[in-house]
Amino acid sequence: MLEPLLREELGPLTVRFTSRPGEGTPLCQEALAAGAQLVLAIGGDGTASEVAAGFLRSGQAAQDGPSFGLLPCGTGGDFRRSLDLPTRIRQAARAVALARPRPIDAGRLDYTGPDGRPATTYFINIASFGIGGLVDQLVNRSSKWLGGRATFLAASVRASLRYRNARVRLQLDQQPPQELRIYNVAVANGRYFGGGMQVAPEAALDDGLFDVVVLGDLSFPEALRLAGPIYRGTHLGRPKVSTARARQVHAEPLDSGEEVLLDVDGETPGRLPATFSLLPAALRIKH
């Protein structure tokens, strides 16, 4: 039903549907190989990340290559918030049609897969570790009928009751490693995650740096009290919250056998150890 609307706003287009998680990446690569100059993701943060990964795996130059775009239609909608995209599909399509492309940064993540083997993926919004991975698991197993914000908030409360703060070794660029007990660490390209939480309010998609926001050894009551400020983006500088900027972040668990899960644009691909590397001006986007 969306095709006639999209053709009105965007002109001729070819539509492809994903049938399983991860399929957005090869479908994007196929479109680029066929000469597409604009590839649009229609969906939420996970779909947007998959399609963007197709560009990054294809090695398309952000300066003069084809463009990526997002028409938001999903649970979280956090990358849409960082782009300040309209929520209605027609308005978002019109914005894409009229926009001039601009380069934005992306992230490469080298991590440990569920089977213990090394793996690589990409992200365009936020990757985190700690409670975020558990929240993603709960959200992706739920019906999501409550909508994005309520679904993530309910999952966050449930996860807080089960989660034990992890001990990790964290290194930013070439600085000395730190040993920390953490509730969650966000490696942020965009500003929002978790269905509208403004965890990195000072992050910019095109500044060539990650904003690294560390939520430290929070108790359950402290985490609940911090929820409102995080949604408003007023939590920076509060006790047990620290921030930094970096181009590369490495993290590993201090306790052998401890599983510290990853949250990567709303999905849970694996766990620490992991290295997050910034790819400056890696993606050309219309919005």
Protein backbone atom coordinates (compact mmCIF):
# COMPACT_ATOMS: atom_id res chain seq x y z
CA MET A 1 0.00 0.00 0.00
CA LEU A 2 2.96 2.33 0.48
CA GLU A 3 4.28 1.97 -3.07
CA PRO A 4 1.88 4.44 -4.78
CA LEU A 5 2.56 7.02 -2.07
CA LEU A 6 6.31 6.59 -2.37
CA ARG A 7 6.21 6.84 -6.17
CA GLU A 8 4.30 10.11 -5.88
CA GLU A 9 7.03 11.61 -3.71
CA LEU A 10 10.16 9.87 -5.04
CA GLY A 11 9.42 8.87 -8.62
CA PRO A 12 10.29 5.45 -10.10
CA LEU A 13 11.56 2.93 -7.56
CA THR A 14 12.19 -0.77 -7.03
CA VAL A 15 10.87 -2.38 -3.85
CA ARG A 16 12.47 -5.33 -2.08
CA PHE A 17 11.24 -7.00 1.12
CA THR A 18 13.36 -8.60 3.82
CA SER A 19 12.35 -12.08 4.95
CA ARG A 20 14.76 -12.55 7.86
CA PRO A 21 17.04 -10.53 10.16
CA GLY A 22 20.20 -9.34 8.44
CA GLU A 23 18.82 -9.50 4.91
CA GLY A 24 18.79 -5.72 4.51
CA THR A 25 22.57 -5.73 4.07
CA PRO A 26 22.84 -8.05 1.03
CA LEU A 27 19.73 -6.49 -0.54
CA CYS A 28 21.40 -3.09 -0.30
CA GLN A 29 24.63 -4.47 -1.76
CA GLU A 30 22.67 -5.95 -4.68
CA ALA A 31 20.98 -2.60 -5.33
CA LEU A 32 24.30 -0.76 -5.27
CA ALA A 33 25.89 -3.31 -7.60
CA ALA A 34 22.99 -2.74 -10.00
CA GLY A 35 23.73 1.00 -10.04
CA ALA A 36 21.19 2.41 -7.57
CA GLN A 37 21.94 6.02 -6.62
CA LEU A 38 19.57 6.08 -3.63
CA VAL A 39 18.76 3.17 -1.33
CA LEU A 40 16.04 3.70 1.28
CA ALA A 41 15.40 1.67 4.42
CA ILE A 42 11.76 1.48 5.49
CA GLY A 43 11.61 0.36 9.12
CA GLY A 44 13.18 0.93 12.49
CA ASP A 45 16.72 1.28 13.77
CA GLY A 46 17.67 -2.33 13.06
CA THR A 47 16.56 -2.15 9.42
CA ALA A 48 18.29 1.21 8.94
CA SER A 49 21.51 -0.21 10.36
CA GLU A 50 21.36 -3.27 8.11
CA VAL A 51 20.89 -1.19 4.97
CA ALA A 52 23.62 1.26 6.00
CA ALA A 53 25.92 -1.73 6.52
CA GLY A 54 25.35 -2.62 2.87
CA PHE A 55 26.91 0.71 1.91
CA LEU A 56 29.81 0.30 4.33
CA ARG A 57 30.57 -3.28 3.27
CA SER A 58 30.43 -2.24 -0.38
CA GLY A 59 33.03 0.48 0.21
CA GLN A 60 30.95 3.16 -1.48
CA ALA A 61 32.63 6.57 -1.12
CA ALA A 62 30.53 8.98 0.92
CA GLN A 63 31.88 12.02 -0.95
CA ASP A 64 30.47 11.28 -4.38
CA GLY A 65 28.73 7.92 -4.25
CA PRO A 66 25.09 6.82 -3.95
CA SER A 67 22.99 8.00 -1.03
CA PHE A 68 21.24 6.32 1.88
CA GLY A 69 17.88 7.38 3.31
CA LEU A 70 15.44 6.30 6.01
CA LEU A 71 11.66 6.20 6.03
CA PRO A 72 10.91 5.48 9.70
CA CYS A 73 8.46 2.75 10.59
CA GLY A 74 9.62 0.73 13.62
CA THR A 75 9.67 0.29 17.39
CA GLY A 76 12.51 2.49 18.60
CA GLY A 77 12.85 5.27 16.04
CA ASP A 78 16.01 6.57 17.69
CA PHE A 79 18.07 7.21 14.57
CA ARG A 80 15.08 9.10 13.17
CA ARG A 81 15.21 11.35 16.23
CA SER A 82 18.91 12.08 15.70
CA LEU A 83 18.13 13.03 12.10
CA ASP A 84 15.01 15.00 13.13
CA LEU A 85 13.01 13.15 10.47
CA PRO A 86 9.21 13.47 10.24
CA THR A 87 7.28 10.52 11.68
CA ARG A 88 4.84 10.25 8.77
CA ILE A 89 6.05 8.24 5.79
CA ARG A 90 4.85 10.73 3.15
CA GLN A 91 6.52 13.67 4.89
CA ALA A 92 9.74 11.69 5.38
CA ALA A 93 9.75 10.63 1.71
CA ARG A 94 9.23 14.24 0.64
CA ALA A 95 12.09 15.35 2.88
CA VAL A 96 14.38 12.74 1.29
CA ALA A 97 13.32 13.76 -2.21
CA LEU A 98 14.11 17.43 -1.57
CA ALA A 99 17.27 17.00 0.53
CA ARG A 100 20.83 17.40 -0.60
CA PRO A 101 23.01 14.46 0.52
CA ARG A 102 25.56 15.04 3.27
CA PRO A 103 28.24 12.77 4.77
CA ILE A 104 27.86 11.37 8.28
CA ASP A 105 30.08 9.19 10.43
CA ALA A 106 29.49 5.51 11.13
CA GLY A 107 30.97 2.91 13.44
CA ARG A 108 32.67 -0.43 12.88
CA LEU A 109 32.32 -3.00 15.65
CA ASP A 110 34.66 -5.97 16.02
CA TYR A 111 33.11 -8.16 18.70
CA THR A 112 32.62 -11.65 20.06
CA GLY A 113 29.73 -13.56 18.55
CA PRO A 114 27.35 -15.86 20.45
CA ASP A 115 29.52 -18.83 19.44
CA GLY A 116 32.67 -17.19 20.85
CA ARG A 117 34.15 -16.45 17.44
CA PRO A 118 35.28 -12.98 16.28
CA ALA A 119 32.72 -11.10 14.18
CA THR A 120 32.32 -7.67 12.59
CA THR A 121 29.33 -5.43 12.06
CA TYR A 122 28.59 -1.74 11.58
CA PHE A 123 26.38 0.81 13.31
CA ILE A 124 25.16 4.31 12.51
CA ASN A 125 23.46 5.40 15.73
CA ILE A 126 24.57 3.95 19.09
CA ALA A 127 26.24 0.75 20.25
CA SER A 128 26.36 0.02 23.97
CA PHE A 129 27.21 -2.73 26.41
CA GLY A 130 25.91 -3.65 29.83
CA ILE A 131 22.20 -3.68 30.56
CA GLY A 132 21.43 -2.43 27.04
CA GLY A 133 21.95 -5.84 25.48
CA LEU A 134 19.57 -7.47 27.96
CA VAL A 135 16.96 -4.74 27.30
CA ASP A 136 17.21 -5.44 23.56
CA GLN A 137 16.63 -9.15 24.12
CA LEU A 138 13.50 -8.45 26.16
CA VAL A 139 12.18 -5.89 23.66
CA ASN A 140 12.74 -8.16 20.66
CA ARG A 141 10.92 -11.01 22.41
CA SER A 142 7.92 -8.84 23.31
CA SER A 143 4.83 -8.02 21.24
CA LYS A 144 5.69 -4.26 21.15
CA TRP A 145 1.98 -3.42 21.11
CA LEU A 146 2.57 -0.68 23.69
CA GLY A 147 4.66 1.33 21.22
CA GLY A 148 8.35 2.17 21.23
CA ARG A 149 8.83 4.25 24.39
CA ALA A 150 6.60 2.17 26.67
CA THR A 151 8.04 -1.11 25.36
CA PHE A 152 11.63 -0.02 26.01
CA LEU A 153 10.77 1.46 29.41
CA ALA A 154 9.02 -1.72 30.55
CA ALA A 155 11.95 -3.83 29.29
CA SER A 156 14.43 -1.54 31.08
CA VAL A 157 12.63 -2.02 34.41
CA ARG A 158 12.47 -5.80 33.93
CA ALA A 159 16.13 -5.93 32.93
CA SER A 160 17.17 -3.84 35.98
CA LEU A 161 15.65 -6.44 38.28
CA ARG A 162 17.80 -9.18 36.69
CA TYR A 163 20.98 -7.38 35.75
CA ARG A 164 24.18 -7.39 37.81
CA ASN A 165 26.55 -4.51 37.12
CA ALA A 166 29.50 -5.77 35.09
CA ARG A 167 33.20 -5.27 35.75
CA VAL A 168 34.96 -4.17 32.57
CA ARG A 169 38.28 -2.84 31.32
CA LEU A 170 37.67 0.20 29.13
CA GLN A 171 40.22 1.93 26.90
CA LEU A 172 39.60 5.12 24.88
CA ASP A 173 42.03 5.69 22.00
CA GLN A 174 45.57 5.39 23.38
CA GLN A 175 44.71 6.43 26.92
CA PRO A 176 45.52 4.10 29.85
CA PRO A 177 42.78 1.46 30.39
CA GLN A 178 40.27 1.97 33.21
CA GLU A 179 38.75 -0.80 35.31
CA LEU A 180 35.12 0.00 36.05
CA ARG A 181 31.91 -1.52 37.33
CA ILE A 182 29.22 -0.39 34.92
CA TYR A 183 25.48 -0.32 34.49
CA ASN A 184 25.83 0.61 30.82
CA VAL A 185 28.28 2.28 28.45
CA ALA A 186 27.02 3.98 25.28
CA VAL A 187 29.36 4.52 22.35
CA ALA A 188 27.32 7.15 20.59
CA ASN A 189 27.31 8.50 17.06
CA GLY A 190 23.71 9.71 17.42
CA ARG A 191 21.95 11.09 20.48
CA TYR A 192 19.09 8.71 21.26
CA PHE A 193 18.61 5.04 22.09
CA GLY A 194 16.13 2.84 23.95
CA GLY A 195 12.97 4.33 22.45
CA GLY A 196 13.71 8.01 23.05
CA MET A 197 16.35 8.11 25.80
CA GLN A 198 18.65 11.05 25.00
CA VAL A 199 21.69 9.30 26.41
CA ALA A 200 24.25 11.35 24.43
CA PRO A 201 22.67 14.81 24.10
CA GLU A 202 25.88 16.42 22.80
CA ALA A 203 26.65 13.82 20.11
CA ALA A 204 26.78 14.86 16.46
CA LEU A 205 26.61 12.52 13.49
CA ASP A 206 29.32 14.35 11.58
CA ASP A 207 31.93 15.51 14.13
CA GLY A 208 34.43 12.67 13.66
CA LEU A 209 34.17 11.45 17.27
CA PHE A 210 32.14 9.08 19.40
CA ASP A 211 30.54 10.44 22.55
CA VAL A 212 31.20 7.79 25.21
CA VAL A 213 28.68 7.96 28.08
CA VAL A 214 29.42 5.76 31.09
CA LEU A 215 26.61 4.96 33.52
CA GLY A 216 28.62 3.58 36.41
CA ASP A 217 27.87 1.35 39.38
CA LEU A 218 24.19 2.32 39.72
CA SER A 219 21.88 0.60 42.18
CA PHE A 220 18.34 -0.23 41.09
CA PRO A 221 16.86 2.86 42.85
CA GLU A 222 19.59 5.07 41.36
CA ALA A 223 18.88 3.72 37.88
CA LEU A 224 15.15 4.42 38.28
CA ARG A 225 15.83 7.98 39.45
CA LEU A 226 18.13 8.55 36.48
CA ALA A 227 15.57 7.42 33.88
CA GLY A 228 13.76 10.77 33.67
CA PRO A 229 16.94 12.83 33.29
CA ILE A 230 18.20 10.46 30.57
CA TYR A 231 14.97 10.88 28.57
CA ARG A 232 15.38 14.66 28.89
CA GLY A 233 19.14 14.58 28.23
CA THR A 234 19.91 16.29 31.55
CA HIS A 235 21.87 13.47 33.19
CA LEU A 236 25.40 14.49 32.18
CA GLY A 237 27.44 15.56 35.18
CA ARG A 238 25.29 13.69 37.69
CA PRO A 239 26.90 11.26 40.15
CA LYS A 240 28.12 8.00 38.55
CA VAL A 241 27.71 9.46 35.02
CA SER A 242 30.85 10.33 33.05
CA THR A 243 31.46 11.33 29.44
CA ALA A 244 34.38 11.43 27.03
CA ARG A 245 35.05 11.59 23.31
CA ALA A 246 37.11 9.12 21.31
CA ARG A 247 37.68 7.65 17.87
CA GLN A 248 38.24 4.12 19.16
CA VAL A 249 36.88 2.30 22.21
CA HIS A 250 37.95 -1.13 23.43
CA ALA A 251 36.13 -3.01 26.20
CA GLU A 252 36.50 -6.43 27.74
CA PRO A 253 35.06 -8.16 30.82
CA LEU A 254 37.26 -8.37 33.90
CA ASP A 255 35.60 -11.49 35.28
CA SER A 256 36.34 -14.62 33.28
CA GLY A 257 33.19 -16.21 31.96
CA GLU A 258 31.05 -13.09 32.47
CA GLU A 259 28.81 -12.37 29.49
CA VAL A 260 28.51 -8.62 28.87
CA LEU A 261 25.98 -8.24 26.07
CA LEU A 262 26.08 -5.70 23.27
CA ASP A 263 23.29 -3.43 22.05
CA VAL A 264 23.93 -2.36 18.46
CA ASP A 265 21.29 -0.08 16.94
CA GLY A 266 18.63 -2.00 18.85
CA GLU A 267 19.93 -5.51 18.17
CA THR A 268 22.02 -7.95 20.25
CA PRO A 269 24.63 -9.55 17.97
CA GLY A 270 27.02 -10.76 20.66
CA ARG A 271 29.16 -9.70 23.61
CA LEU A 272 32.46 -8.29 24.83
CA PRO A 273 35.39 -8.23 24.16
CA ALA A 274 34.71 -5.63 21.48
CA THR A 275 36.39 -2.74 19.70
CA PHE A 276 34.36 0.22 18.41
CA SER A 277 36.08 2.20 15.63
CA LEU A 278 34.81 5.46 14.15
CA LEU A 279 34.54 5.69 10.35
CA PRO A 280 34.52 9.44 9.62
CA ALA A 281 32.24 10.73 6.83
CA ALA A 282 31.60 7.13 5.81
CA LEU A 283 27.98 7.36 4.68
CA ARG A 284 26.20 9.78 2.37
CA ILE A 285 22.66 10.41 3.61
CA LYS A 286 19.56 12.31 2.44
CA HIS A 287 17.07 13.42 5.11
